Amino acid sequence: MACGTILHAGAIAGMVAGMNELRKITVQVSGDDLEAAQAYTGEGVTETVRAGLKKLASIRAQQNLLKLRGKVKFSLSVADLKYDRE
């Protein structure tokens, strides 16, 4: 159940991969900010904006998961987890 709780929190925070409805938007941003972001991503405007939105969703998921810290009990030991990888 603990794993299900973690997966549920990630899904709520927008971490489920897949194609959603696409929306066309118009935004006004500082030219310097956009150029800096594009230089960082190495991508065009659309991909840079998408990367920023995905990063925000990731931060939100991490914050939601941190709220569960100390509240989830794992039934597997470290040795069991290592064995499971093989």
PDB file of N, CA and C in Angstrom:
ATOM      1  N   MET A   1       0.824  -1.203   0.000  1.00  0.00           N
ATOM      2  CA  MET A   1       0.000   0.000   0.000  1.00  0.00           C
ATOM      3  C   MET A   1       0.857   1.250   0.000  1.00  0.00           C
ATOM      4  N   ALA A   2       2.036   1.192   0.640  1.00  0.00           N
ATOM      5  CA  ALA A   2       2.902   2.368   0.692  1.00  0.00           C
ATOM      6  C   ALA A   2       3.324   2.789  -0.700  1.00  0.00           C
ATOM      7  N   CYS A   3       3.681   1.832  -1.521  1.00  0.00           N
ATOM      8  CA  CYS A   3       4.087   2.148  -2.889  1.00  0.00           C
ATOM      9  C   CYS A   3       2.925   2.787  -3.649  1.00  0.00           C
ATOM     10  N   GLY A   4       1.729   2.247  -3.443  1.00  0.00           N
ATOM     11  CA  GLY A   4       0.553   2.815  -4.084  1.00  0.00           C
ATOM     12  C   GLY A   4       0.310   4.252  -3.660  1.00  0.00           C
ATOM     13  N   THR A   5       0.566   4.542  -2.397  1.00  0.00           N
ATOM     14  CA  THR A   5       0.402   5.902  -1.884  1.00  0.00           C
ATOM     15  C   THR A   5       1.371   6.852  -2.569  1.00  0.00           C
ATOM     16  N   ILE A   6       2.611   6.409  -2.716  1.00  0.00           N
ATOM     17  CA  ILE A   6       3.624   7.246  -3.363  1.00  0.00           C
ATOM     18  C   ILE A   6       3.271   7.472  -4.825  1.00  0.00           C
ATOM     19  N   LEU A   7       2.861   6.412  -5.512  1.00  0.00           N
ATOM     20  CA  LEU A   7       2.485   6.557  -6.920  1.00  0.00           C
ATOM     21  C   LEU A   7       1.280   7.477  -7.062  1.00  0.00           C
ATOM     22  N   HIS A   8       0.343   7.359  -6.147  1.00  0.00           N
ATOM     23  CA  HIS A   8      -0.846   8.209  -6.182  1.00  0.00           C
ATOM     24  C   HIS A   8      -0.468   9.676  -6.012  1.00  0.00           C
ATOM     25  N   ALA A   9       0.457   9.945  -5.090  1.00  0.00           N
ATOM     26  CA  ALA A   9       0.893  11.326  -4.867  1.00  0.00           C
ATOM     27  C   ALA A   9       1.561  11.879  -6.115  1.00  0.00           C
ATOM     28  N   GLY A  10       2.371  11.054  -6.782  1.00  0.00           N
ATOM     29  CA  GLY A  10       3.022  11.501  -8.003  1.00  0.00           C
ATOM     30  C   GLY A  10       2.024  11.779  -9.103  1.00  0.00           C
ATOM     31  N   ALA A  11       1.009  10.932  -9.201  1.00  0.00           N
ATOM     32  CA  ALA A  11      -0.007  11.121 -10.236  1.00  0.00           C
ATOM     33  C   ALA A  11      -0.802  12.389  -9.991  1.00  0.00           C
ATOM     34  N   ILE A  12      -1.118  12.642  -8.743  1.00  0.00           N
ATOM     35  CA  ILE A  12      -1.877  13.849  -8.413  1.00  0.00           C
ATOM     36  C   ILE A  12      -1.073  15.087  -8.769  1.00  0.00           C
ATOM     37  N   ALA A  13       0.226  15.019  -8.601  1.00  0.00           N
ATOM     38  CA  ALA A  13       1.072  16.185  -8.835  1.00  0.00           C
ATOM     39  C   ALA A  13       1.421  16.357 -10.313  1.00  0.00           C
ATOM     40  N   GLY A  14       0.825  15.570 -11.170  1.00  0.00           N
ATOM     41  CA  GLY A  14       1.030  15.771 -12.596  1.00  0.00           C
ATOM     42  C   GLY A  14       2.210  15.029 -13.171  1.00  0.00           C
ATOM     43  N   MET A  15       2.613  13.964 -12.546  1.00  0.00           N
ATOM     44  CA  MET A  15       3.777  13.243 -13.019  1.00  0.00           C
ATOM     45  C   MET A  15       3.415  12.077 -13.940  1.00  0.00           C
ATOM     46  N   VAL A  16       2.169  11.913 -14.259  1.00  0.00           N
ATOM     47  CA  VAL A  16       1.767  10.845 -15.155  1.00  0.00           C
ATOM     48  C   VAL A  16       2.129  11.265 -16.573  1.00  0.00           C
ATOM     49  N   ALA A  17       2.909  10.434 -17.242  1.00  0.00           N
ATOM     50  CA  ALA A  17       3.342  10.751 -18.594  1.00  0.00           C
ATOM     51  C   ALA A  17       2.219  10.453 -19.581  1.00  0.00           C
ATOM     52  N   GLY A  18       2.191  11.170 -20.664  1.00  0.00           N
ATOM     53  CA  GLY A  18       1.205  10.920 -21.695  1.00  0.00           C
ATOM     54  C   GLY A  18       0.785  12.205 -22.374  1.00  0.00           C
ATOM     55  N   MET A  19       0.064  12.044 -23.443  1.00  0.00           N
ATOM     56  CA  MET A  19      -0.404  13.205 -24.182  1.00  0.00           C
ATOM     57  C   MET A  19      -1.715  13.701 -23.587  1.00  0.00           C
ATOM     58  N   ASN A  20      -1.717  14.928 -23.242  1.00  0.00           N
ATOM     59  CA  ASN A  20      -2.921  15.578 -22.758  1.00  0.00           C
ATOM     60  C   ASN A  20      -3.399  16.537 -23.830  1.00  0.00           C
ATOM     61  N   GLU A  21      -4.472  17.195 -23.546  1.00  0.00           N
ATOM     62  CA  GLU A  21      -4.996  18.203 -24.458  1.00  0.00           C
ATOM     63  C   GLU A  21      -3.936  19.293 -24.636  1.00  0.00           C
ATOM     64  N   LEU A  22      -3.652  19.643 -25.871  1.00  0.00           N
ATOM     65  CA  LEU A  22      -2.702  20.718 -26.140  1.00  0.00           C
ATOM     66  C   LEU A  22      -3.455  22.039 -26.174  1.00  0.00           C
ATOM     67  N   ARG A  23      -2.848  23.058 -25.608  1.00  0.00           N
ATOM     68  CA  ARG A  23      -3.446  24.383 -25.612  1.00  0.00           C
ATOM     69  C   ARG A  23      -2.447  25.367 -26.175  1.00  0.00           C
ATOM     70  N   LYS A  24      -2.907  26.227 -27.022  1.00  0.00           N
ATOM     71  CA  LYS A  24      -2.067  27.291 -27.555  1.00  0.00           C
ATOM     72  C   LYS A  24      -2.212  28.493 -26.627  1.00  0.00           C
ATOM     73  N   ILE A  25      -1.076  29.050 -26.232  1.00  0.00           N
ATOM     74  CA  ILE A  25      -1.104  30.179 -25.310  1.00  0.00           C
ATOM     75  C   ILE A  25      -0.258  31.316 -25.863  1.00  0.00           C
ATOM     76  N   THR A  26      -0.533  32.488 -25.391  1.00  0.00           N
ATOM     77  CA  THR A  26       0.287  33.654 -25.703  1.00  0.00           C
ATOM     78  C   THR A  26       0.757  34.235 -24.379  1.00  0.00           C
ATOM     79  N   VAL A  27       2.061  34.387 -24.244  1.00  0.00           N
ATOM     80  CA  VAL A  27       2.605  34.947 -23.007  1.00  0.00           C
ATOM     81  C   VAL A  27       3.602  36.037 -23.355  1.00  0.00           C
ATOM     82  N   GLN A  28       3.710  36.989 -22.466  1.00  0.00           N
ATOM     83  CA  GLN A  28       4.720  38.024 -22.614  1.00  0.00           C
ATOM     84  C   GLN A  28       5.779  37.782 -21.556  1.00  0.00           C
ATOM     85  N   VAL A  29       7.026  37.612 -22.016  1.00  0.00           N
ATOM     86  CA  VAL A  29       8.135  37.369 -21.101  1.00  0.00           C
ATOM     87  C   VAL A  29       9.283  38.295 -21.469  1.00  0.00           C
ATOM     88  N   SER A  30      10.141  38.505 -20.516  1.00  0.00           N
ATOM     89  CA  SER A  30      11.330  39.312 -20.764  1.00  0.00           C
ATOM     90  C   SER A  30      12.205  38.605 -21.803  1.00  0.00           C
ATOM     91  N   GLY A  31      12.685  39.353 -22.766  1.00  0.00           N
ATOM     92  CA  GLY A  31      13.571  38.793 -23.786  1.00  0.00           C
ATOM     93  C   GLY A  31      14.821  38.194 -23.176  1.00  0.00           C
ATOM     94  N   ASP A  32      15.352  38.853 -22.154  1.00  0.00           N
ATOM     95  CA  ASP A  32      16.550  38.340 -21.482  1.00  0.00           C
ATOM     96  C   ASP A  32      16.267  37.010 -20.787  1.00  0.00           C
ATOM     97  N   ASP A  33      15.111  36.924 -20.120  1.00  0.00           N
ATOM     98  CA  ASP A  33      14.753  35.675 -19.435  1.00  0.00           C
ATOM     99  C   ASP A  33      14.587  34.531 -20.433  1.00  0.00           C
ATOM    100  N   LEU A  34      13.914  34.810 -21.546  1.00  0.00           N
ATOM    101  CA  LEU A  34      13.692  33.781 -22.556  1.00  0.00           C
ATOM    102  C   LEU A  34      15.010  33.344 -23.181  1.00  0.00           C
ATOM    103  N   GLU A  35      15.866  34.288 -23.505  1.00  0.00           N
ATOM    104  CA  GLU A  35      17.162  33.951 -24.095  1.00  0.00           C
ATOM    105  C   GLU A  35      17.996  33.115 -23.131  1.00  0.00           C
ATOM    106  N   ALA A  36      17.976  33.463 -21.852  1.00  0.00           N
ATOM    107  CA  ALA A  36      18.738  32.710 -20.855  1.00  0.00           C
ATOM    108  C   ALA A  36      18.197  31.283 -20.731  1.00  0.00           C
ATOM    109  N   ALA A  37      16.880  31.163 -20.716  1.00  0.00           N
ATOM    110  CA  ALA A  37      16.268  29.839 -20.601  1.00  0.00           C
ATOM    111  C   ALA A  37      16.563  28.996 -21.834  1.00  0.00           C
ATOM    112  N   GLN A  38      16.483  29.601 -23.011  1.00  0.00           N
ATOM    113  CA  GLN A  38      16.775  28.871 -24.240  1.00  0.00           C
ATOM    114  C   GLN A  38      18.249  28.478 -24.310  1.00  0.00           C
ATOM    115  N   ALA A  39      19.115  29.314 -23.824  1.00  0.00           N
ATOM    116  CA  ALA A  39      20.538  28.981 -23.806  1.00  0.00           C
ATOM    117  C   ALA A  39      20.766  27.777 -22.892  1.00  0.00           C
ATOM    118  N   TYR A  40      20.030  27.723 -21.802  1.00  0.00           N
ATOM    119  CA  TYR A  40      20.160  26.611 -20.858  1.00  0.00           C
ATOM    120  C   TYR A  40      19.636  25.311 -21.462  1.00  0.00           C
ATOM    121  N   THR A  41      18.441  25.363 -22.089  1.00  0.00           N
ATOM    122  CA  THR A  41      17.840  24.145 -22.629  1.00  0.00           C
ATOM    123  C   THR A  41      18.427  23.761 -23.979  1.00  0.00           C
ATOM    124  N   GLY A  42      18.907  24.746 -24.719  1.00  0.00           N
ATOM    125  CA  GLY A  42      19.386  24.466 -26.070  1.00  0.00           C
ATOM    126  C   GLY A  42      18.255  24.177 -27.033  1.00  0.00           C
ATOM    127  N   GLU A  43      17.058  24.573 -26.675  1.00  0.00           N
ATOM    128  CA  GLU A  43      15.861  24.296 -27.474  1.00  0.00           C
ATOM    129  C   GLU A  43      15.199  25.594 -27.909  1.00  0.00           C
ATOM    130  N   GLY A  44      14.158  25.461 -28.723  1.00  0.00           N
ATOM    131  CA  GLY A  44      13.380  26.607 -29.162  1.00  0.00           C
ATOM    132  C   GLY A  44      12.430  27.077 -28.067  1.00  0.00           C
ATOM    133  N   VAL A  45      11.623  28.062 -28.398  1.00  0.00           N
ATOM    134  CA  VAL A  45      10.719  28.665 -27.420  1.00  0.00           C
ATOM    135  C   VAL A  45       9.730  27.642 -26.866  1.00  0.00           C
ATOM    136  N   THR A  46       9.056  26.897 -27.737  1.00  0.00           N
ATOM    137  CA  THR A  46       8.035  25.949 -27.294  1.00  0.00           C
ATOM    138  C   THR A  46       8.617  24.905 -26.351  1.00  0.00           C
ATOM    139  N   GLU A  47       9.720  24.289 -26.741  1.00  0.00           N
ATOM    140  CA  GLU A  47      10.323  23.247 -25.903  1.00  0.00           C
ATOM    141  C   GLU A  47      10.859  23.823 -24.596  1.00  0.00           C
ATOM    142  N   THR A  48      11.347  25.054 -24.630  1.00  0.00           N
ATOM    143  CA  THR A  48      11.835  25.689 -23.407  1.00  0.00           C
ATOM    144  C   THR A  48      10.691  25.937 -22.437  1.00  0.00           C
ATOM    145  N   VAL A  49       9.566  26.424 -22.941  1.00  0.00           N
ATOM    146  CA  VAL A  49       8.393  26.650 -22.086  1.00  0.00           C
ATOM    147  C   VAL A  49       7.894  25.323 -21.536  1.00  0.00           C
ATOM    148  N   ARG A  50       7.827  24.285 -22.375  1.00  0.00           N
ATOM    149  CA  ARG A  50       7.390  22.960 -21.905  1.00  0.00           C
ATOM    150  C   ARG A  50       8.317  22.446 -20.807  1.00  0.00           C
ATOM    151  N   ALA A  51       9.622  22.626 -20.989  1.00  0.00           N
ATOM    152  CA  ALA A  51      10.588  22.176 -19.983  1.00  0.00           C
ATOM    153  C   ALA A  51      10.356  22.894 -18.656  1.00  0.00           C
ATOM    154  N   GLY A  52      10.077  24.187 -18.715  1.00  0.00           N
ATOM    155  CA  GLY A  52       9.806  24.950 -17.498  1.00  0.00           C
ATOM    156  C   GLY A  52       8.553  24.475 -16.792  1.00  0.00           C
ATOM    157  N   LEU A  53       7.496  24.189 -17.553  1.00  0.00           N
ATOM    158  CA  LEU A  53       6.253  23.708 -16.959  1.00  0.00           C
ATOM    159  C   LEU A  53       6.432  22.322 -16.342  1.00  0.00           C
ATOM    160  N   LYS A  54       7.194  21.465 -17.027  1.00  0.00           N
ATOM    161  CA  LYS A  54       7.469  20.134 -16.476  1.00  0.00           C
ATOM    162  C   LYS A  54       8.281  20.238 -15.191  1.00  0.00           C
ATOM    163  N   LYS A  55       9.211  21.168 -15.146  1.00  0.00           N
ATOM    164  CA  LYS A  55      10.024  21.364 -13.944  1.00  0.00           C
ATOM    165  C   LYS A  55       9.142  21.801 -12.773  1.00  0.00           C
ATOM    166  N   LEU A  56       8.210  22.695 -13.021  1.00  0.00           N
ATOM    167  CA  LEU A  56       7.298  23.123 -11.962  1.00  0.00           C
ATOM    168  C   LEU A  56       6.438  21.963 -11.460  1.00  0.00           C
ATOM    169  N   ALA A  57       5.962  21.117 -12.375  1.00  0.00           N
ATOM    170  CA  ALA A  57       5.180  19.945 -11.971  1.00  0.00           C
ATOM    171  C   ALA A  57       6.034  18.994 -11.149  1.00  0.00           C
ATOM    172  N   SER A  58       7.300  18.847 -11.518  1.00  0.00           N
ATOM    173  CA  SER A  58       8.219  17.984 -10.785  1.00  0.00           C
ATOM    174  C   SER A  58       8.459  18.513  -9.371  1.00  0.00           C
ATOM    175  N   ILE A  59       8.635  19.810  -9.255  1.00  0.00           N
ATOM    176  CA  ILE A  59       8.843  20.420  -7.937  1.00  0.00           C
ATOM    177  C   ILE A  59       7.620  20.192  -7.054  1.00  0.00           C
ATOM    178  N   ARG A  60       6.442  20.344  -7.625  1.00  0.00           N
ATOM    179  CA  ARG A  60       5.213  20.138  -6.852  1.00  0.00           C
ATOM    180  C   ARG A  60       5.111  18.685  -6.394  1.00  0.00           C
ATOM    181  N   ALA A  61       5.444  17.743  -7.261  1.00  0.00           N
ATOM    182  CA  ALA A  61       5.407  16.325  -6.894  1.00  0.00           C
ATOM    183  C   ALA A  61       6.394  16.047  -5.768  1.00  0.00           C
ATOM    184  N   GLN A  62       7.581  16.626  -5.856  1.00  0.00           N
ATOM    185  CA  GLN A  62       8.584  16.433  -4.807  1.00  0.00           C
ATOM    186  C   GLN A  62       8.088  16.996  -3.469  1.00  0.00           C
ATOM    187  N   GLN A  63       7.448  18.143  -3.506  1.00  0.00           N
ATOM    188  CA  GLN A  63       6.919  18.738  -2.280  1.00  0.00           C
ATOM    189  C   GLN A  63       5.835  17.851  -1.668  1.00  0.00           C
ATOM    190  N   ASN A  64       4.969  17.298  -2.526  1.00  0.00           N
ATOM    191  CA  ASN A  64       3.911  16.413  -2.034  1.00  0.00           C
ATOM    192  C   ASN A  64       4.495  15.134  -1.446  1.00  0.00           C
ATOM    193  N   LEU A  65       5.534  14.612  -2.074  1.00  0.00           N
ATOM    194  CA  LEU A  65       6.167  13.402  -1.552  1.00  0.00           C
ATOM    195  C   LEU A  65       6.889  13.684  -0.235  1.00  0.00           C
ATOM    196  N   LEU A  66       7.468  14.867  -0.107  1.00  0.00           N
ATOM    197  CA  LEU A  66       8.134  15.217   1.141  1.00  0.00           C
ATOM    198  C   LEU A  66       7.148  15.281   2.310  1.00  0.00           C
ATOM    199  N   LYS A  67       5.900  15.608   2.023  1.00  0.00           N
ATOM    200  CA  LYS A  67       4.877  15.634   3.072  1.00  0.00           C
ATOM    201  C   LYS A  67       4.644  14.234   3.644  1.00  0.00           C
ATOM    202  N   LEU A  68       4.963  13.198   2.854  1.00  0.00           N
ATOM    203  CA  LEU A  68       4.790  11.816   3.300  1.00  0.00           C
ATOM    204  C   LEU A  68       5.992  11.305   4.088  1.00  0.00           C
ATOM    205  N   ARG A  69       7.041  12.096   4.158  1.00  0.00           N
ATOM    206  CA  ARG A  69       8.270  11.669   4.833  1.00  0.00           C
ATOM    207  C   ARG A  69       7.972  11.233   6.264  1.00  0.00           C
ATOM    208  N   GLY A  70       8.413  10.011   6.584  1.00  0.00           N
ATOM    209  CA  GLY A  70       8.211   9.460   7.914  1.00  0.00           C
ATOM    210  C   GLY A  70       6.836   8.858   8.135  1.00  0.00           C
ATOM    211  N   LYS A  71       5.948   8.952   7.152  1.00  0.00           N
ATOM    212  CA  LYS A  71       4.591   8.438   7.306  1.00  0.00           C
ATOM    213  C   LYS A  71       4.367   7.132   6.567  1.00  0.00           C
ATOM    214  N   VAL A  72       5.329   6.740   5.724  1.00  0.00           N
ATOM    215  CA  VAL A  72       5.192   5.530   4.917  1.00  0.00           C
ATOM    216  C   VAL A  72       6.113   4.469   5.491  1.00  0.00           C
ATOM    217  N   LYS A  73       5.554   3.303   5.767  1.00  0.00           N
ATOM    218  CA  LYS A  73       6.348   2.199   6.296  1.00  0.00           C
ATOM    219  C   LYS A  73       6.617   1.215   5.166  1.00  0.00           C
ATOM    220  N   PHE A  74       7.885   0.847   5.014  1.00  0.00           N
ATOM    221  CA  PHE A  74       8.269  -0.107   3.984  1.00  0.00           C
ATOM    222  C   PHE A  74       8.362  -1.495   4.588  1.00  0.00           C
ATOM    223  N   SER A  75       7.871  -2.485   3.865  1.00  0.00           N
ATOM    224  CA  SER A  75       7.893  -3.847   4.370  1.00  0.00           C
ATOM    225  C   SER A  75       9.126  -4.610   3.896  1.00  0.00           C
ATOM    226  N   LEU A  76       9.907  -4.044   2.991  1.00  0.00           N
ATOM    227  CA  LEU A  76      11.096  -4.708   2.477  1.00  0.00           C
ATOM    228  C   LEU A  76      12.345  -4.142   3.131  1.00  0.00           C
ATOM    229  N   SER A  77      13.299  -5.023   3.356  1.00  0.00           N
ATOM    230  CA  SER A  77      14.581  -4.574   3.889  1.00  0.00           C
ATOM    231  C   SER A  77      15.465  -4.127   2.727  1.00  0.00           C
ATOM    232  N   VAL A  78      16.586  -3.514   3.053  1.00  0.00           N
ATOM    233  CA  VAL A  78      17.538  -3.097   2.024  1.00  0.00           C
ATOM    234  C   VAL A  78      18.039  -4.316   1.256  1.00  0.00           C
ATOM    235  N   ALA A  79      18.289  -5.404   1.962  1.00  0.00           N
ATOM    236  CA  ALA A  79      18.749  -6.637   1.313  1.00  0.00           C
ATOM    237  C   ALA A  79      17.699  -7.155   0.334  1.00  0.00           C
ATOM    238  N   ASP A  80      16.422  -7.098   0.720  1.00  0.00           N
ATOM    239  CA  ASP A  80      15.349  -7.535  -0.175  1.00  0.00           C
ATOM    240  C   ASP A  80      15.278  -6.663  -1.421  1.00  0.00           C
ATOM    241  N   LEU A  81      15.461  -5.358  -1.258  1.00  0.00           N
ATOM    242  CA  LEU A  81      15.429  -4.455  -2.400  1.00  0.00           C
ATOM    243  C   LEU A  81      16.576  -4.744  -3.354  1.00  0.00           C
ATOM    244  N   LYS A  82      17.757  -5.003  -2.815  1.00  0.00           N
ATOM    245  CA  LYS A  82      18.903  -5.328  -3.654  1.00  0.00           C
ATOM    246  C   LYS A  82      18.673  -6.641  -4.388  1.00  0.00           C
ATOM    247  N   TYR A  83      18.109  -7.636  -3.699  1.00  0.00           N
ATOM    248  CA  TYR A  83      17.831  -8.922  -4.316  1.00  0.00           C
ATOM    249  C   TYR A  83      16.821  -8.761  -5.442  1.00  0.00           C
ATOM    250  N   ASP A  84      15.849  -7.892  -5.270  1.00  0.00           N
ATOM    251  CA  ASP A  84      14.800  -7.659  -6.257  1.00  0.00           C
ATOM    252  C   ASP A  84      15.361  -7.104  -7.560  1.00  0.00           C
ATOM    253  N   ARG A  85      16.488  -6.412  -7.513  1.00  0.00           N
ATOM    254  CA  ARG A  85      17.093  -5.837  -8.723  1.00  0.00           C
ATOM    255  C   ARG A  85      17.677  -6.901  -9.639  1.00  0.00           C
ATOM    256  N   GLU A  86      18.108  -7.999  -9.054  1.00  0.00           N
ATOM    257  CA  GLU A  86      18.809  -9.033  -9.831  1.00  0.00           C
ATOM    258  C   GLU A  86      17.907  -9.837 -10.683  1.00  0.00           C
TER     259      GLU A  86
END
